[in-house]
Amino acid sequence: LPQRLASLATTAREETWQSRQQLQAQRQEMARLQEELSRARQDGERWASALQRAQREALEREATRGAEQARQQELIRDMKGRLLELLREKDALWQKTEGIDTPVPSPVRRDPGLCARCQKDFRLLSRRYSCSRLCQGKVCHTCSVDMGKHGRCCLICYQQRHPQAT
């Protein structure tokens, strides 16, 4: 019996020692976890404040963007109004000048080697065009207007035919 009691006492001491070791390990683990929890809470607070700051900045940007958009819409409205005024002025001026006679083209010089308008010499790089309207003169590319399938004509004949183009 004394041996059995001694054996039980030894076993109880070993179990107590193991329990103390486990308890100490659990306390250390709990301290580590509490420290991690504390850091996680601090990180959470930092992220929450950063989120609030970002939301505040987004609202400020949105307000600024809205004001800028309103200012641009007002500018567009003003520009449209000014465009209408200019179109009315143009129409009024066109109606005033509609009855004015346009100048008759000046007589064309018949030198086949020179442009009838600018007197440019026709060479390899300067093409000669016949005016397909009133004057039938020979003009260079610069002094003529493309009339599509009707060919080209000099600027004076074009202005007579299309007075609104000037």
N, C-alpha and C. Protein backbone atom coordinates (compact mmCIF):
# COMPACT_ATOMS: atom_id res chain seq x y z
N LEU A 1 0.81 -1.19 0.00
CA LEU A 1 0.00 0.00 0.00
C LEU A 1 0.87 1.27 0.00
N PRO A 2 1.94 1.30 0.79
CA PRO A 2 2.75 2.52 0.75
C PRO A 2 3.39 2.72 -0.62
N GLN A 3 3.71 1.67 -1.29
CA GLN A 3 4.30 1.81 -2.62
C GLN A 3 3.25 2.32 -3.61
N ARG A 4 2.07 1.80 -3.45
CA ARG A 4 1.00 2.23 -4.34
C ARG A 4 0.69 3.69 -4.10
N LEU A 5 0.70 4.09 -2.84
CA LEU A 5 0.45 5.49 -2.52
C LEU A 5 1.58 6.35 -3.06
N ALA A 6 2.80 5.87 -2.96
CA ALA A 6 3.95 6.63 -3.46
C ALA A 6 3.85 6.76 -4.98
N SER A 7 3.43 5.67 -5.60
CA SER A 7 3.28 5.68 -7.05
C SER A 7 2.17 6.64 -7.45
N LEU A 8 1.06 6.62 -6.73
CA LEU A 8 -0.04 7.55 -7.03
C LEU A 8 0.39 9.00 -6.80
N ALA A 9 1.16 9.20 -5.76
CA ALA A 9 1.65 10.55 -5.45
C ALA A 9 2.56 11.04 -6.57
N THR A 10 3.43 10.15 -7.06
CA THR A 10 4.35 10.51 -8.14
C THR A 10 3.56 10.82 -9.40
N THR A 11 2.60 9.99 -9.71
CA THR A 11 1.75 10.20 -10.88
C THR A 11 0.99 11.51 -10.75
N ALA A 12 0.47 11.79 -9.56
CA ALA A 12 -0.27 13.03 -9.32
C ALA A 12 0.65 14.23 -9.49
N ARG A 13 1.93 14.15 -9.01
CA ARG A 13 2.90 15.24 -9.16
C ARG A 13 3.20 15.49 -10.63
N GLU A 14 3.38 14.39 -11.38
CA GLU A 14 3.68 14.54 -12.81
C GLU A 14 2.49 15.15 -13.54
N GLU A 15 1.30 14.71 -13.19
CA GLU A 15 0.11 15.28 -13.83
C GLU A 15 -0.04 16.75 -13.46
N THR A 16 0.26 17.08 -12.21
CA THR A 16 0.18 18.47 -11.76
C THR A 16 1.20 19.32 -12.52
N TRP A 17 2.41 18.75 -12.62
CA TRP A 17 3.47 19.49 -13.35
C TRP A 17 3.05 19.71 -14.81
N GLN A 18 2.52 18.67 -15.47
CA GLN A 18 2.06 18.77 -16.85
C GLN A 18 0.91 19.77 -16.98
N SER A 19 0.01 19.72 -16.00
CA SER A 19 -1.11 20.67 -16.02
C SER A 19 -0.61 22.11 -15.89
N ARG A 20 0.38 22.31 -15.01
CA ARG A 20 0.96 23.65 -14.84
C ARG A 20 1.64 24.11 -16.13
N GLN A 21 2.35 23.19 -16.78
CA GLN A 21 3.01 23.51 -18.05
C GLN A 21 1.95 23.88 -19.10
N GLN A 22 0.89 23.10 -19.19
CA GLN A 22 -0.18 23.40 -20.14
C GLN A 22 -0.85 24.72 -19.82
N LEU A 23 -1.08 24.96 -18.52
CA LEU A 23 -1.69 26.22 -18.10
C LEU A 23 -0.80 27.39 -18.47
N GLN A 24 0.51 27.26 -18.24
CA GLN A 24 1.45 28.34 -18.59
C GLN A 24 1.47 28.55 -20.10
N ALA A 25 1.48 27.47 -20.89
CA ALA A 25 1.46 27.58 -22.35
C ALA A 25 0.16 28.24 -22.80
N GLN A 26 -0.94 27.88 -22.19
CA GLN A 26 -2.22 28.49 -22.55
C GLN A 26 -2.26 29.97 -22.19
N ARG A 27 -1.65 30.33 -21.04
CA ARG A 27 -1.58 31.74 -20.66
C ARG A 27 -0.74 32.54 -21.66
N GLN A 28 0.38 31.95 -22.08
CA GLN A 28 1.22 32.62 -23.07
C GLN A 28 0.47 32.79 -24.41
N GLU A 29 -0.24 31.72 -24.80
CA GLU A 29 -1.03 31.77 -26.05
C GLU A 29 -2.13 32.83 -25.93
N MET A 30 -2.76 32.89 -24.76
CA MET A 30 -3.81 33.87 -24.55
C MET A 30 -3.24 35.29 -24.57
N ALA A 31 -2.07 35.51 -24.00
CA ALA A 31 -1.43 36.83 -24.02
C ALA A 31 -1.09 37.22 -25.47
N ARG A 32 -0.59 36.25 -26.24
CA ARG A 32 -0.26 36.52 -27.64
C ARG A 32 -1.53 36.86 -28.42
N LEU A 33 -2.60 36.11 -28.20
CA LEU A 33 -3.86 36.37 -28.89
C LEU A 33 -4.45 37.72 -28.50
N GLN A 34 -4.34 38.10 -27.22
CA GLN A 34 -4.83 39.40 -26.78
C GLN A 34 -4.03 40.53 -27.45
N GLU A 35 -2.72 40.31 -27.58
CA GLU A 35 -1.89 41.31 -28.25
C GLU A 35 -2.29 41.44 -29.73
N GLU A 36 -2.54 40.31 -30.41
CA GLU A 36 -2.99 40.33 -31.80
C GLU A 36 -4.35 41.02 -31.92
N LEU A 37 -5.24 40.74 -30.97
CA LEU A 37 -6.56 41.38 -30.96
C LEU A 37 -6.42 42.89 -30.81
N SER A 38 -5.53 43.29 -29.94
CA SER A 38 -5.30 44.73 -29.73
C SER A 38 -4.78 45.38 -31.01
N ARG A 39 -3.81 44.72 -31.68
CA ARG A 39 -3.29 45.26 -32.95
C ARG A 39 -4.39 45.28 -34.02
N ALA A 40 -5.21 44.24 -34.07
CA ALA A 40 -6.29 44.18 -35.05
C ALA A 40 -7.30 45.31 -34.81
N ARG A 41 -7.59 45.60 -33.54
CA ARG A 41 -8.50 46.72 -33.23
C ARG A 41 -7.90 48.05 -33.67
N GLN A 42 -6.60 48.22 -33.42
CA GLN A 42 -5.93 49.46 -33.85
C GLN A 42 -5.97 49.58 -35.38
N ASP A 43 -5.68 48.47 -36.07
CA ASP A 43 -5.74 48.49 -37.54
C ASP A 43 -7.15 48.81 -38.00
N GLY A 44 -8.15 48.21 -37.36
CA GLY A 44 -9.54 48.47 -37.70
C GLY A 44 -9.89 49.95 -37.52
N GLU A 45 -9.42 50.55 -36.44
CA GLU A 45 -9.68 51.98 -36.21
C GLU A 45 -9.01 52.83 -37.28
N ARG A 46 -7.75 52.45 -37.64
CA ARG A 46 -7.05 53.21 -38.69
C ARG A 46 -7.79 53.09 -40.02
N TRP A 47 -8.23 51.86 -40.35
CA TRP A 47 -8.95 51.66 -41.62
C TRP A 47 -10.28 52.40 -41.62
N ALA A 48 -10.94 52.41 -40.47
CA ALA A 48 -12.22 53.12 -40.38
C ALA A 48 -12.02 54.62 -40.58
N SER A 49 -10.96 55.18 -39.96
CA SER A 49 -10.71 56.62 -40.14
C SER A 49 -10.28 56.92 -41.58
N ALA A 50 -9.49 56.01 -42.17
CA ALA A 50 -9.09 56.21 -43.57
C ALA A 50 -10.31 56.15 -44.49
N LEU A 51 -11.24 55.23 -44.20
CA LEU A 51 -12.47 55.12 -44.98
C LEU A 51 -13.31 56.39 -44.85
N GLN A 52 -13.43 56.90 -43.65
CA GLN A 52 -14.21 58.13 -43.45
C GLN A 52 -13.56 59.29 -44.20
N ARG A 53 -12.24 59.38 -44.14
CA ARG A 53 -11.51 60.45 -44.84
C ARG A 53 -11.73 60.33 -46.35
N ALA A 54 -11.64 59.09 -46.87
CA ALA A 54 -11.84 58.87 -48.31
C ALA A 54 -13.27 59.23 -48.71
N GLN A 55 -14.24 58.88 -47.89
CA GLN A 55 -15.64 59.22 -48.20
C GLN A 55 -15.84 60.73 -48.19
N ARG A 56 -15.24 61.40 -47.24
CA ARG A 56 -15.33 62.87 -47.16
C ARG A 56 -14.72 63.51 -48.40
N GLU A 57 -13.53 63.01 -48.80
CA GLU A 57 -12.87 63.55 -50.00
C GLU A 57 -13.69 63.28 -51.25
N ALA A 58 -14.32 62.09 -51.32
CA ALA A 58 -15.16 61.76 -52.48
C ALA A 58 -16.36 62.70 -52.56
N LEU A 59 -16.97 62.98 -51.40
CA LEU A 59 -18.10 63.92 -51.39
C LEU A 59 -17.67 65.31 -51.81
N GLU A 60 -16.49 65.74 -51.36
CA GLU A 60 -15.99 67.06 -51.75
C GLU A 60 -15.72 67.11 -53.26
N ARG A 61 -15.10 66.04 -53.79
CA ARG A 61 -14.83 65.99 -55.24
C ARG A 61 -16.14 66.00 -56.03
N GLU A 62 -17.12 65.28 -55.53
CA GLU A 62 -18.42 65.23 -56.22
C GLU A 62 -19.07 66.61 -56.22
N ALA A 63 -18.97 67.31 -55.11
CA ALA A 63 -19.54 68.66 -55.04
C ALA A 63 -18.81 69.60 -56.00
N THR A 64 -17.49 69.49 -56.05
CA THR A 64 -16.69 70.32 -56.96
C THR A 64 -17.04 69.98 -58.40
N ARG A 65 -17.15 68.69 -58.70
CA ARG A 65 -17.49 68.26 -60.06
C ARG A 65 -18.88 68.77 -60.45
N GLY A 66 -19.82 68.72 -59.53
CA GLY A 66 -21.16 69.22 -59.81
C GLY A 66 -21.16 70.71 -60.10
N ALA A 67 -20.38 71.47 -59.32
CA ALA A 67 -20.29 72.92 -59.56
C ALA A 67 -19.63 73.19 -60.91
N GLU A 68 -18.59 72.44 -61.23
CA GLU A 68 -17.91 72.61 -62.52
C GLU A 68 -18.85 72.27 -63.68
N GLN A 69 -19.61 71.22 -63.52
CA GLN A 69 -20.55 70.82 -64.56
C GLN A 69 -21.62 71.89 -64.74
N ALA A 70 -22.11 72.45 -63.66
CA ALA A 70 -23.11 73.51 -63.76
C ALA A 70 -22.53 74.73 -64.47
N ARG A 71 -21.27 75.06 -64.14
CA ARG A 71 -20.61 76.20 -64.78
C ARG A 71 -20.43 75.94 -66.27
N GLN A 72 -20.06 74.72 -66.65
CA GLN A 72 -19.89 74.39 -68.06
C GLN A 72 -21.22 74.42 -68.80
N GLN A 73 -22.29 73.95 -68.16
CA GLN A 73 -23.60 74.00 -68.80
C GLN A 73 -24.04 75.45 -69.02
N GLU A 74 -23.76 76.31 -68.06
CA GLU A 74 -24.08 77.73 -68.21
C GLU A 74 -23.28 78.33 -69.36
N LEU A 75 -22.00 77.96 -69.45
CA LEU A 75 -21.16 78.45 -70.54
C LEU A 75 -21.69 77.97 -71.89
N ILE A 76 -22.10 76.72 -71.97
CA ILE A 76 -22.66 76.19 -73.22
C ILE A 76 -23.93 76.94 -73.58
N ARG A 77 -24.78 77.19 -72.59
CA ARG A 77 -26.00 77.94 -72.84
C ARG A 77 -25.68 79.33 -73.37
N ASP A 78 -24.69 80.00 -72.76
CA ASP A 78 -24.28 81.33 -73.22
C ASP A 78 -23.74 81.27 -74.65
N MET A 79 -22.94 80.24 -74.94
CA MET A 79 -22.35 80.11 -76.27
C MET A 79 -23.43 79.85 -77.32
N LYS A 80 -24.44 79.05 -76.98
CA LYS A 80 -25.54 78.80 -77.91
C LYS A 80 -26.30 80.09 -78.18
N GLY A 81 -26.53 80.87 -77.12
CA GLY A 81 -27.21 82.16 -77.30
C GLY A 81 -26.41 83.08 -78.21
N ARG A 82 -25.10 83.12 -77.98
CA ARG A 82 -24.23 83.98 -78.81
C ARG A 82 -24.22 83.49 -80.25
N LEU A 83 -24.22 82.18 -80.45
CA LEU A 83 -24.25 81.61 -81.80
C LEU A 83 -25.54 82.03 -82.51
N LEU A 84 -26.67 81.96 -81.81
CA LEU A 84 -27.93 82.38 -82.41
C LEU A 84 -27.89 83.87 -82.79
N GLU A 85 -27.31 84.70 -81.90
CA GLU A 85 -27.17 86.13 -82.21
C GLU A 85 -26.33 86.32 -83.47
N LEU A 86 -25.21 85.61 -83.57
CA LEU A 86 -24.33 85.74 -84.73
C LEU A 86 -25.02 85.27 -86.00
N LEU A 87 -25.80 84.19 -85.91
CA LEU A 87 -26.52 83.72 -87.08
C LEU A 87 -27.57 84.74 -87.53
N ARG A 88 -28.24 85.36 -86.57
CA ARG A 88 -29.22 86.40 -86.93
C ARG A 88 -28.52 87.58 -87.61
N GLU A 89 -27.37 87.98 -87.04
CA GLU A 89 -26.60 89.07 -87.64
C GLU A 89 -26.17 88.72 -89.06
N LYS A 90 -25.69 87.48 -89.24
CA LYS A 90 -25.25 87.03 -90.57
C LYS A 90 -26.42 87.08 -91.54
N ASP A 91 -27.58 86.58 -91.12
CA ASP A 91 -28.75 86.60 -92.00
C ASP A 91 -29.15 88.03 -92.35
N ALA A 92 -29.11 88.92 -91.35
CA ALA A 92 -29.46 90.31 -91.61
C ALA A 92 -28.48 90.94 -92.59
N LEU A 93 -27.19 90.68 -92.41
CA LEU A 93 -26.20 91.24 -93.33
C LEU A 93 -26.34 90.64 -94.73
N TRP A 94 -26.64 89.36 -94.80
CA TRP A 94 -26.81 88.71 -96.09
C TRP A 94 -28.01 89.31 -96.83
N GLN A 95 -29.10 89.57 -96.08
CA GLN A 95 -30.28 90.18 -96.71
C GLN A 95 -29.98 91.59 -97.18
N LYS A 96 -29.16 92.33 -96.43
CA LYS A 96 -28.80 93.70 -96.84
C LYS A 96 -27.95 93.69 -98.09
N THR A 97 -27.06 92.69 -98.21
CA THR A 97 -26.13 92.65 -99.35
C THR A 97 -26.67 91.87 -100.53
N GLU A 98 -27.84 91.26 -100.39
CA GLU A 98 -28.37 90.44 -101.47
C GLU A 98 -28.60 91.24 -102.74
N GLY A 99 -29.02 92.48 -102.64
CA GLY A 99 -29.31 93.28 -103.82
C GLY A 99 -28.10 93.93 -104.44
N ILE A 100 -26.97 93.90 -103.77
CA ILE A 100 -25.76 94.54 -104.28
C ILE A 100 -25.20 93.69 -105.42
N ASP A 101 -24.85 94.37 -106.51
CA ASP A 101 -24.29 93.64 -107.66
C ASP A 101 -22.89 93.17 -107.34
N THR A 102 -22.58 91.98 -107.81
CA THR A 102 -21.23 91.44 -107.63
C THR A 102 -20.39 91.88 -108.81
N PRO A 103 -19.10 92.03 -108.59
CA PRO A 103 -18.25 92.51 -109.68
C PRO A 103 -18.17 91.48 -110.81
N VAL A 104 -18.11 91.97 -111.99
CA VAL A 104 -17.97 91.12 -113.17
C VAL A 104 -16.50 90.75 -113.26
N PRO A 105 -16.20 89.53 -113.63
CA PRO A 105 -14.80 89.15 -113.72
C PRO A 105 -14.06 90.03 -114.73
N SER A 106 -12.84 90.31 -114.35
CA SER A 106 -12.03 91.16 -115.23
C SER A 106 -11.66 90.36 -116.48
N PRO A 107 -11.40 91.07 -117.55
CA PRO A 107 -11.01 90.35 -118.77
C PRO A 107 -9.77 89.50 -118.51
N VAL A 108 -9.77 88.33 -119.08
CA VAL A 108 -8.70 87.39 -118.84
C VAL A 108 -7.58 87.61 -119.83
N ARG A 109 -6.39 87.61 -119.29
CA ARG A 109 -5.22 87.66 -120.19
C ARG A 109 -5.11 86.33 -120.87
N ARG A 110 -4.82 86.33 -122.07
CA ARG A 110 -4.81 85.08 -122.84
C ARG A 110 -3.42 84.48 -123.00
N ASP A 111 -2.51 84.80 -122.09
CA ASP A 111 -1.17 84.19 -122.14
C ASP A 111 -1.31 82.78 -121.59
N PRO A 112 -1.16 81.74 -122.41
CA PRO A 112 -1.40 80.37 -121.96
C PRO A 112 -0.36 79.87 -120.96
N GLY A 113 0.73 80.55 -120.77
CA GLY A 113 1.77 80.07 -119.87
C GLY A 113 1.66 80.65 -118.47
N LEU A 114 0.68 81.56 -118.21
CA LEU A 114 0.54 82.20 -116.90
C LEU A 114 -0.88 82.04 -116.38
N CYS A 115 -1.01 81.99 -115.05
CA CYS A 115 -2.32 81.95 -114.41
C CYS A 115 -3.01 83.29 -114.64
N ALA A 116 -4.29 83.27 -114.98
CA ALA A 116 -5.04 84.48 -115.26
C ALA A 116 -5.24 85.34 -114.02
N ARG A 117 -5.12 84.80 -112.82
CA ARG A 117 -5.35 85.56 -111.59
C ARG A 117 -4.05 86.00 -110.91
N CYS A 118 -3.14 85.06 -110.66
CA CYS A 118 -1.93 85.39 -109.89
C CYS A 118 -0.68 85.50 -110.75
N GLN A 119 -0.81 85.28 -112.03
CA GLN A 119 0.28 85.35 -112.99
C GLN A 119 1.39 84.33 -112.72
N LYS A 120 1.05 83.24 -112.06
CA LYS A 120 2.02 82.18 -111.79
C LYS A 120 2.32 81.45 -113.08
N ASP A 121 3.58 81.12 -113.29
CA ASP A 121 4.02 80.43 -114.50
C ASP A 121 3.68 78.95 -114.38
N PHE A 122 3.02 78.39 -115.39
CA PHE A 122 2.68 76.96 -115.38
C PHE A 122 3.91 76.16 -115.79
N ARG A 123 4.31 75.25 -114.95
CA ARG A 123 5.46 74.38 -115.20
C ARG A 123 5.03 72.94 -114.93
N LEU A 124 6.02 72.09 -114.70
CA LEU A 124 5.72 70.69 -114.40
C LEU A 124 4.93 70.53 -113.10
N LEU A 125 5.29 71.33 -112.07
CA LEU A 125 4.66 71.17 -110.77
C LEU A 125 3.44 72.06 -110.58
N SER A 126 3.12 72.90 -111.53
CA SER A 126 1.98 73.80 -111.41
C SER A 126 0.99 73.48 -112.52
N ARG A 127 -0.10 72.85 -112.18
CA ARG A 127 -1.09 72.41 -113.16
C ARG A 127 -2.00 73.56 -113.58
N ARG A 128 -2.44 73.53 -114.80
CA ARG A 128 -3.30 74.57 -115.37
C ARG A 128 -4.73 74.01 -115.43
N TYR A 129 -5.72 74.83 -114.98
CA TYR A 129 -7.13 74.46 -115.02
C TYR A 129 -7.88 75.49 -115.85
N SER A 130 -8.86 75.04 -116.60
CA SER A 130 -9.72 75.97 -117.34
C SER A 130 -10.92 76.27 -116.47
N CYS A 131 -11.25 77.54 -116.32
CA CYS A 131 -12.42 77.94 -115.55
C CYS A 131 -13.65 77.47 -116.30
N SER A 132 -14.50 76.73 -115.62
CA SER A 132 -15.68 76.14 -116.27
C SER A 132 -16.90 77.06 -116.18
N ARG A 133 -16.72 78.31 -115.83
CA ARG A 133 -17.84 79.24 -115.70
C ARG A 133 -17.75 80.35 -116.74
N LEU A 134 -17.92 81.59 -116.26
CA LEU A 134 -18.05 82.72 -117.17
C LEU A 134 -16.80 83.08 -117.95
N CYS A 135 -15.66 83.12 -117.28
CA CYS A 135 -14.48 83.73 -117.90
C CYS A 135 -13.69 82.79 -118.81
N GLN A 136 -13.76 81.48 -118.61
CA GLN A 136 -13.03 80.48 -119.39
C GLN A 136 -11.51 80.68 -119.34
N GLY A 137 -11.01 81.34 -118.31
CA GLY A 137 -9.58 81.59 -118.19
C GLY A 137 -8.82 80.37 -117.69
N LYS A 138 -7.49 80.44 -117.81
CA LYS A 138 -6.61 79.38 -117.32
C LYS A 138 -6.10 79.81 -115.95
N VAL A 139 -6.36 79.00 -114.91
CA VAL A 139 -5.96 79.34 -113.55
C VAL A 139 -5.20 78.18 -112.91
N CYS A 140 -4.40 78.52 -111.88
CA CYS A 140 -3.62 77.49 -111.16
C CYS A 140 -4.51 76.86 -110.07
N HIS A 141 -3.98 75.89 -109.40
CA HIS A 141 -4.72 75.18 -108.35
C HIS A 141 -5.12 76.13 -107.22
N THR A 142 -4.22 77.03 -106.84
CA THR A 142 -4.47 77.95 -105.73
C THR A 142 -5.59 78.92 -106.06
N CYS A 143 -5.68 79.35 -107.29
CA CYS A 143 -6.67 80.35 -107.70
C CYS A 143 -7.98 79.73 -108.17
N SER A 144 -8.17 78.42 -107.97
CA SER A 144 -9.39 77.77 -108.44
C SER A 144 -10.07 77.02 -107.31
N VAL A 145 -11.35 76.69 -107.55
CA VAL A 145 -12.16 75.97 -106.57
C VAL A 145 -12.70 74.72 -107.26
N ASP A 146 -12.65 73.59 -106.56
CA ASP A 146 -13.16 72.34 -107.11
C ASP A 146 -14.69 72.35 -107.07
N MET A 147 -15.32 72.17 -108.19
CA MET A 147 -16.79 72.18 -108.28
C MET A 147 -17.33 70.76 -108.44
N GLY A 148 -16.53 69.77 -108.11
CA GLY A 148 -16.96 68.38 -108.20
C GLY A 148 -17.02 67.92 -109.64
N LYS A 149 -18.15 67.37 -110.06
CA LYS A 149 -18.28 66.84 -111.42
C LYS A 149 -18.31 67.95 -112.48
N HIS A 150 -18.47 69.20 -112.05
CA HIS A 150 -18.49 70.33 -112.99
C HIS A 150 -17.09 70.87 -113.27
N GLY A 151 -16.07 70.29 -112.71
CA GLY A 151 -14.70 70.74 -112.94
C GLY A 151 -14.28 71.77 -111.91
N ARG A 152 -13.37 72.65 -112.33
CA ARG A 152 -12.88 73.70 -111.43
C ARG A 152 -13.23 75.05 -112.04
N CYS A 153 -13.35 76.07 -111.18
CA CYS A 153 -13.57 77.41 -111.70
C CYS A 153 -12.74 78.39 -110.88
N CYS A 154 -12.51 79.57 -111.44
CA CYS A 154 -11.70 80.56 -110.72
C CYS A 154 -12.49 81.09 -109.53
N LEU A 155 -11.77 81.72 -108.59
CA LEU A 155 -12.39 82.19 -107.36
C LEU A 155 -13.45 83.25 -107.62
N ILE A 156 -13.23 84.15 -108.56
CA ILE A 156 -14.20 85.23 -108.83
C ILE A 156 -15.50 84.66 -109.35
N CYS A 157 -15.42 83.72 -110.30
CA CYS A 157 -16.64 83.09 -110.83
C CYS A 157 -17.36 82.30 -109.73
N TYR A 158 -16.60 81.66 -108.89
CA TYR A 158 -17.21 80.89 -107.79
C TYR A 158 -17.94 81.82 -106.83
N GLN A 159 -17.31 82.98 -106.51
CA GLN A 159 -17.94 83.93 -105.59
C GLN A 159 -19.20 84.53 -106.20
N GLN A 160 -19.22 84.70 -107.49
CA GLN A 160 -20.43 85.22 -108.14
C GLN A 160 -21.54 84.17 -108.09
N ARG A 161 -21.19 82.93 -108.25
CA ARG A 161 -22.17 81.86 -108.28
C ARG A 161 -22.68 81.52 -106.87
N HIS A 162 -21.77 81.66 -105.87
CA HIS A 162 -22.09 81.32 -104.49
C HIS A 162 -21.73 82.50 -103.59
N PRO A 163 -22.55 83.54 -103.53
CA PRO A 163 -22.19 84.73 -102.75
C PRO A 163 -22.13 84.47 -101.24
N GLN A 164 -22.83 83.47 -100.75
CA GLN A 164 -22.79 83.20 -99.30
C GLN A 164 -21.45 82.60 -98.87
N ALA A 165 -20.62 82.17 -99.81
CA ALA A 165 -19.33 81.54 -99.47
C ALA A 165 -18.31 82.58 -99.05
N THR A 166 -18.52 83.86 -99.36
CA THR A 166 -17.54 84.90 -99.01
C THR A 166 -17.76 85.45 -97.65
